[in-house]
Amino acid sequence: MKKDNKIYIAGHSGLVGSAVLKKLNKNEYNNLIYKRSSELDLRIQKDVDEFFEVEKPDHVFLLAAKVGGINANQKYPAEFIYDNLMIQNNVINAAYKYNVEKLLFLGSSCIYPRNCKQPMKEEYLLTGKLEKTNEAYSIAKIAGLKMCGFYNKQYNTNFISAMPTNLYGPNDNFDLKTSHVLPALIRKFHEAKLNKDKEVVIWGTGKAKREFLHVDDLADALLFLMNNYNGEEFVNVGVGKDISILELAELIKDIVGYDGEIVNDLSKPDGTPRKLLDVTRLNDLGWEAQILLEEGIKDTYEWFKENY
């Protein structure tokens, strides 16, 4: 991307979008466009087409999505599949119609089968059944990366896809009803410390393992891919290391300074047993994550205290 290219960031106010916007500004890209969902509803094709017709962006970061943790995915599956399909269908199709030079679609590691061989390589997509607790979201994201591939094949577009692992960082969602596990634990331990609670309850056995990538690392990776990758295949983005949910809880407990007990609620699901990405393809391209998990959680906790 040239510094004066018109770059559209769809979903600029979210966890990933805000980090990408910050990264682009830091790297002196000076022609950025973005709108809040109240200004442009990406689920409405007519409005999206009109926006692209007027603005004519050169590059698009498609980061807008309806996201949430296990609880939200189980409670609102219809909204998760409808909203995400509509958003990505409209933006990808408009990017083709209005001659966008390059588009990057952001997926999720939940596209892989529930019992996928570990670490998960890109070629393991669609080799088994999906995790039921987030199936609606997963199917939408699979459709998005496939749509990019089919548009490339039929229309000779340059649409690439990146599949990040579990994300965290500043601007995350800390609502206990809809958030992912890491921000939820930060809030739980923080409030338990303030309230002098004797215990903090975590979902499931705590044995499930997850990989966590700081959103600033992801933003750096997405800018790297936009500037250096034009391949047909989607690319995993992660750190290549994982941690059990119980170990994560203990780490956050120490960072927050909470001295009570951790209790497991075995009536709640663990979700996918393990989700570790194989990041060989991205590493071979020349990019590796830089932010260590403990350092990243400390950074996120400071942001949480300042903003909540």
Protein backbone atom coordinates (compact mmCIF):
# COMPACT_ATOMS: atom_id res chain seq x y z
CA MET A 1 0.00 0.00 0.00
CA LYS A 2 1.18 3.50 -0.80
CA LYS A 3 0.95 6.10 1.97
CA ASP A 4 -1.74 8.08 0.09
CA ASN A 5 -3.86 5.09 -1.01
CA LYS A 6 -7.44 5.36 0.19
CA ILE A 7 -7.83 2.65 2.82
CA TYR A 8 -11.22 1.62 4.21
CA ILE A 9 -11.26 0.00 7.67
CA ALA A 10 -14.57 -1.81 8.14
CA GLY A 11 -15.08 -2.24 11.88
CA HIS A 12 -12.63 0.47 12.95
CA SER A 13 -14.05 0.87 16.46
CA GLY A 14 -13.81 -2.79 17.48
CA LEU A 15 -10.96 -4.63 19.16
CA VAL A 16 -9.11 -5.41 15.92
CA GLY A 17 -10.23 -2.38 13.93
CA SER A 18 -9.04 0.13 16.53
CA ALA A 19 -5.63 -1.58 16.66
CA VAL A 20 -5.33 -1.58 12.86
CA LEU A 21 -6.36 2.09 12.71
CA LYS A 22 -3.70 2.93 15.32
CA LYS A 23 -1.10 0.91 13.39
CA LEU A 24 -1.90 2.61 10.07
CA ASN A 25 -1.72 6.06 11.65
CA LYS A 26 1.59 5.19 13.29
CA ASN A 27 2.95 4.11 9.89
CA GLU A 28 1.80 7.41 8.32
CA TYR A 29 -0.95 6.10 6.05
CA ASN A 30 -2.83 9.38 5.67
CA ASN A 31 -5.95 8.58 3.61
CA LEU A 32 -8.07 6.45 5.91
CA ILE A 33 -11.85 6.13 5.77
CA TYR A 34 -14.20 4.51 8.27
CA LYS A 35 -17.74 4.83 9.60
CA ARG A 36 -19.51 3.62 12.71
CA SER A 37 -22.33 1.09 12.33
CA SER A 38 -24.80 3.85 13.21
CA GLU A 39 -23.59 5.73 10.12
CA LEU A 40 -23.28 2.76 7.76
CA ASP A 41 -25.05 -0.55 8.36
CA LEU A 42 -22.91 -3.07 6.50
CA ARG A 43 -25.80 -5.56 6.52
CA ILE A 44 -27.69 -3.40 3.99
CA GLN A 45 -26.36 -4.00 0.48
CA LYS A 46 -27.73 -0.79 -1.03
CA ASP A 47 -26.01 1.36 1.60
CA VAL A 48 -22.70 -0.50 1.23
CA ASP A 49 -22.78 -0.15 -2.57
CA GLU A 50 -23.48 3.57 -2.31
CA PHE A 51 -20.60 4.00 0.13
CA PHE A 52 -18.15 2.20 -2.17
CA GLU A 53 -19.42 4.07 -5.22
CA VAL A 54 -18.79 7.43 -3.55
CA GLU A 55 -15.55 6.65 -1.66
CA LYS A 56 -13.87 4.23 -4.13
CA PRO A 57 -11.29 2.82 -1.66
CA ASP A 58 -8.06 1.30 -2.99
CA HIS A 59 -7.63 -1.15 -0.11
CA VAL A 60 -10.10 -2.66 2.37
CA PHE A 61 -9.54 -4.24 5.78
CA LEU A 62 -12.75 -6.23 6.37
CA LEU A 63 -12.66 -6.46 10.18
CA ALA A 64 -16.32 -5.79 11.00
CA ALA A 65 -18.15 -8.74 12.55
CA LYS A 66 -20.55 -9.80 15.26
CA VAL A 67 -18.35 -11.56 17.83
CA GLY A 68 -18.69 -13.05 21.31
CA GLY A 69 -17.78 -15.89 23.65
CA ILE A 70 -19.44 -19.26 24.24
CA ASN A 71 -22.43 -17.74 26.05
CA ALA A 72 -23.25 -15.23 23.31
CA ASN A 73 -22.70 -17.77 20.52
CA GLN A 74 -25.06 -20.26 22.14
CA LYS A 75 -27.73 -17.68 22.89
CA TYR A 76 -27.78 -15.79 19.57
CA PRO A 77 -26.76 -18.24 16.79
CA ALA A 78 -29.23 -16.80 14.26
CA GLU A 79 -27.79 -13.30 14.70
CA PHE A 80 -24.23 -14.59 14.51
CA ILE A 81 -24.77 -16.29 11.16
CA TYR A 82 -27.06 -13.65 9.63
CA ASP A 83 -25.13 -10.53 10.63
CA ASN A 84 -21.74 -11.94 9.68
CA LEU A 85 -22.87 -13.34 6.34
CA MET A 86 -24.57 -10.09 5.38
CA ILE A 87 -21.61 -7.91 6.40
CA GLN A 88 -18.98 -9.90 4.56
CA ASN A 89 -21.12 -10.67 1.49
CA ASN A 90 -21.90 -6.99 0.97
CA VAL A 91 -18.36 -5.69 1.53
CA ILE A 92 -16.61 -8.37 -0.54
CA ASN A 93 -19.07 -8.00 -3.42
CA ALA A 94 -18.83 -4.18 -3.33
CA ALA A 95 -15.03 -4.43 -3.32
CA TYR A 96 -15.28 -6.42 -6.55
CA LYS A 97 -17.89 -4.15 -8.16
CA TYR A 98 -15.98 -0.95 -7.42
CA ASN A 99 -12.52 -2.25 -8.34
CA VAL A 100 -10.81 -2.37 -4.95
CA GLU A 101 -7.14 -3.17 -5.51
CA LYS A 102 -6.85 -5.48 -2.51
CA LEU A 103 -9.06 -6.69 0.34
CA LEU A 104 -8.11 -8.49 3.53
CA PHE A 105 -10.85 -10.58 5.17
CA LEU A 106 -10.47 -11.42 8.86
CA GLY A 107 -11.70 -14.83 9.92
CA SER A 108 -11.22 -16.83 13.12
CA SER A 109 -9.49 -20.00 14.27
CA CYS A 110 -12.92 -21.43 15.16
CA ILE A 111 -13.28 -22.37 11.47
CA TYR A 112 -11.35 -25.57 12.23
CA PRO A 113 -13.00 -28.86 13.31
CA ARG A 114 -13.71 -29.37 17.01
CA ASN A 115 -11.32 -32.31 17.28
CA CYS A 116 -8.80 -30.99 14.80
CA LYS A 117 -5.28 -32.38 14.74
CA GLN A 118 -2.94 -30.02 16.62
CA PRO A 119 -1.39 -27.65 15.79
CA MET A 120 -3.99 -26.69 13.20
CA LYS A 121 -2.62 -26.26 9.69
CA GLU A 122 -4.51 -24.31 7.02
CA GLU A 123 -5.15 -27.50 5.04
CA TYR A 124 -7.13 -29.01 7.94
CA LEU A 125 -10.13 -26.80 7.14
CA LEU A 126 -13.37 -28.81 6.59
CA THR A 127 -11.82 -32.12 7.61
CA GLY A 128 -14.25 -32.71 10.49
CA LYS A 129 -17.28 -31.48 12.44
CA LEU A 130 -17.29 -27.98 13.90
CA GLU A 131 -17.60 -27.06 17.59
CA LYS A 132 -21.35 -26.82 18.29
CA THR A 133 -21.07 -23.88 20.69
CA ASN A 134 -19.90 -21.50 17.95
CA GLU A 135 -21.02 -23.30 14.78
CA ALA A 136 -23.05 -20.39 13.38
CA TYR A 137 -20.12 -17.97 13.59
CA SER A 138 -17.70 -20.57 12.21
CA ILE A 139 -19.85 -21.31 9.17
CA ALA A 140 -20.11 -17.60 8.39
CA LYS A 141 -16.34 -17.16 8.56
CA ILE A 142 -15.72 -20.22 6.38
CA ALA A 143 -18.15 -18.77 3.84
CA GLY A 144 -16.22 -15.49 3.89
CA LEU A 145 -12.81 -16.97 3.18
CA LYS A 146 -14.31 -19.23 0.49
CA MET A 147 -16.07 -16.25 -1.07
CA CYS A 148 -12.75 -14.41 -1.31
CA GLY A 149 -11.20 -17.43 -3.00
CA PHE A 150 -14.04 -17.88 -5.50
CA TYR A 151 -14.04 -14.17 -6.41
CA ASN A 152 -10.29 -14.39 -7.01
CA LYS A 153 -10.83 -17.43 -9.23
CA GLN A 154 -13.72 -16.02 -11.26
CA TYR A 155 -12.99 -12.29 -11.29
CA ASN A 156 -9.19 -12.21 -10.83
CA THR A 157 -9.53 -10.07 -7.68
CA ASN A 158 -6.85 -9.87 -4.99
CA PHE A 159 -8.77 -10.79 -1.84
CA ILE A 160 -6.75 -12.45 0.94
CA SER A 161 -7.87 -13.98 4.24
CA ALA A 162 -6.22 -14.16 7.65
CA MET A 163 -7.34 -16.50 10.44
CA PRO A 164 -6.24 -15.24 13.87
CA THR A 165 -6.19 -17.21 17.08
CA ASN A 166 -7.93 -15.95 20.26
CA LEU A 167 -7.38 -12.21 20.63
CA TYR A 168 -7.16 -9.80 23.55
CA GLY A 169 -5.98 -6.28 24.31
CA PRO A 170 -7.14 -2.67 24.71
CA ASN A 171 -10.72 -1.99 23.53
CA ASP A 172 -11.74 -5.58 24.23
CA ASN A 173 -15.27 -6.46 25.35
CA PHE A 174 -15.40 -6.99 29.12
CA ASP A 175 -19.17 -7.69 29.36
CA LEU A 176 -19.44 -10.97 31.26
CA LYS A 177 -22.48 -12.03 29.21
CA THR A 178 -20.86 -11.68 25.80
CA SER A 179 -17.07 -11.50 26.22
CA HIS A 180 -14.37 -14.04 25.48
CA VAL A 181 -12.55 -15.88 28.25
CA LEU A 182 -9.49 -13.66 28.80
CA PRO A 183 -11.25 -10.29 29.23
CA ALA A 184 -13.98 -12.02 31.25
CA LEU A 185 -11.37 -13.38 33.67
CA ILE A 186 -9.70 -9.98 34.00
CA ARG A 187 -13.00 -8.45 35.02
CA LYS A 188 -13.95 -11.33 37.33
CA PHE A 189 -10.68 -11.25 39.26
CA HIS A 190 -10.63 -7.44 39.40
CA GLU A 191 -14.17 -7.24 40.83
CA ALA A 192 -13.50 -10.13 43.22
CA LYS A 193 -10.45 -8.26 44.51
CA LEU A 194 -12.45 -5.05 45.01
CA ASN A 195 -15.34 -6.92 46.69
CA LYS A 196 -12.98 -9.11 48.77
CA ASP A 197 -14.75 -12.24 47.45
CA LYS A 198 -13.39 -15.55 48.69
CA GLU A 199 -13.62 -17.28 45.31
CA VAL A 200 -13.85 -16.75 41.56
CA VAL A 201 -15.81 -19.23 39.47
CA ILE A 202 -14.52 -20.22 36.02
CA TRP A 203 -16.43 -22.19 33.41
CA GLY A 204 -15.74 -25.90 32.85
CA THR A 205 -12.82 -28.01 33.96
CA GLY A 206 -10.15 -25.47 33.05
CA LYS A 207 -8.33 -28.17 31.05
CA ALA A 208 -9.20 -26.77 27.61
CA LYS A 209 -6.18 -25.10 26.01
CA ARG A 210 -6.15 -21.84 24.11
CA GLU A 211 -3.64 -19.68 22.27
CA PHE A 212 -3.78 -15.91 22.83
CA LEU A 213 -2.51 -13.18 20.50
CA HIS A 214 -2.30 -9.52 21.53
CA VAL A 215 -4.34 -7.39 19.16
CA ASP A 216 -1.38 -5.07 18.47
CA ASP A 217 0.55 -8.09 17.17
CA LEU A 218 -2.42 -8.98 14.97
CA ALA A 219 -2.59 -5.43 13.58
CA ASP A 220 1.11 -5.66 12.73
CA ALA A 221 0.55 -9.03 11.03
CA LEU A 222 -2.41 -7.75 8.98
CA LEU A 223 -0.44 -4.76 7.73
CA PHE A 224 2.42 -7.13 6.89
CA LEU A 225 0.10 -9.42 4.93
CA MET A 226 -1.56 -6.55 3.07
CA ASN A 227 1.86 -5.40 1.92
CA ASN A 228 3.60 -8.73 1.38
CA TYR A 229 1.12 -11.54 0.62
CA ASN A 230 -0.95 -12.24 -2.49
CA GLY A 231 -1.42 -15.99 -2.20
CA GLU A 232 -4.61 -17.94 -2.86
CA GLU A 233 -4.57 -19.70 0.52
CA PHE A 234 -5.68 -18.13 3.79
CA VAL A 235 -3.03 -17.59 6.47
CA ASN A 236 -3.13 -18.51 10.17
CA VAL A 237 -2.06 -15.72 12.54
CA GLY A 238 -0.98 -16.73 16.04
CA VAL A 239 1.93 -17.18 18.42
CA GLY A 240 2.36 -20.95 18.12
CA LYS A 241 2.00 -21.57 21.90
CA ASP A 242 -1.04 -22.30 24.05
CA ILE A 243 -2.05 -22.40 27.72
CA SER A 244 -4.82 -24.13 29.68
CA ILE A 245 -7.74 -22.02 30.88
CA LEU A 246 -6.84 -22.86 34.49
CA GLU A 247 -3.23 -21.73 33.94
CA LEU A 248 -4.55 -18.56 32.30
CA ALA A 249 -6.83 -17.93 35.30
CA GLU A 250 -3.91 -18.36 37.69
CA LEU A 251 -1.77 -15.97 35.63
CA ILE A 252 -4.49 -13.30 35.59
CA LYS A 253 -5.13 -13.86 39.30
CA ASP A 254 -1.47 -13.07 40.02
CA ILE A 255 -1.39 -10.01 37.73
CA VAL A 256 -4.56 -8.59 39.29
CA GLY A 257 -3.33 -9.35 42.81
CA TYR A 258 -6.34 -11.41 43.92
CA ASP A 259 -5.71 -13.78 46.83
CA GLY A 260 -8.90 -15.89 46.88
CA GLU A 261 -9.64 -19.33 45.42
CA ILE A 262 -10.44 -20.45 41.88
CA VAL A 263 -13.51 -22.72 41.63
CA ASN A 264 -14.57 -24.69 38.54
CA ASP A 265 -18.23 -24.72 37.45
CA LEU A 266 -18.45 -28.19 35.88
CA SER A 267 -22.01 -27.57 34.68
CA LYS A 268 -20.61 -25.18 32.05
CA PRO A 269 -18.95 -26.31 28.80
CA ASP A 270 -15.24 -26.26 28.04
CA GLY A 271 -15.80 -25.63 24.34
CA THR A 272 -13.21 -26.99 21.89
CA PRO A 273 -10.62 -29.09 23.80
CA ARG A 274 -7.64 -27.38 22.16
CA LYS A 275 -7.06 -24.62 19.60
CA LEU A 276 -3.44 -24.14 18.64
CA LEU A 277 -2.59 -22.74 15.23
CA ASP A 278 0.28 -23.85 13.06
CA VAL A 279 1.83 -20.53 12.03
CA THR A 280 4.59 -21.95 9.83
CA ARG A 281 3.20 -20.31 6.68
CA LEU A 282 3.20 -16.84 8.27
CA ASN A 283 6.59 -17.33 9.92
CA ASP A 284 8.07 -18.43 6.60
CA LEU A 285 6.77 -15.21 5.04
CA GLY A 286 8.84 -13.30 7.60
CA TRP A 287 6.48 -12.40 10.46
CA GLU A 288 6.42 -13.57 14.10
CA ALA A 289 4.48 -12.39 17.17
CA GLN A 290 6.47 -10.19 19.59
CA ILE A 291 4.26 -9.56 22.65
CA LEU A 292 4.58 -12.13 25.46
CA LEU A 293 1.32 -13.23 27.13
CA GLU A 294 2.14 -11.93 30.64
CA GLU A 295 3.26 -8.58 29.22
CA GLY A 296 0.13 -8.36 27.07
CA ILE A 297 -2.24 -9.17 29.94
CA LYS A 298 -0.60 -6.52 32.14
CA ASP A 299 -1.09 -4.00 29.34
CA THR A 300 -4.73 -5.02 28.91
CA TYR A 301 -5.42 -4.90 32.65
CA GLU A 302 -4.06 -1.35 32.87
CA TRP A 303 -6.34 -0.33 29.99
CA PHE A 304 -9.30 -2.00 31.72
CA LYS A 305 -8.68 -0.13 34.98
CA GLU A 306 -8.45 3.19 33.16
CA ASN A 307 -11.58 2.67 31.05
CA TYR A 308 -14.04 0.72 33.23
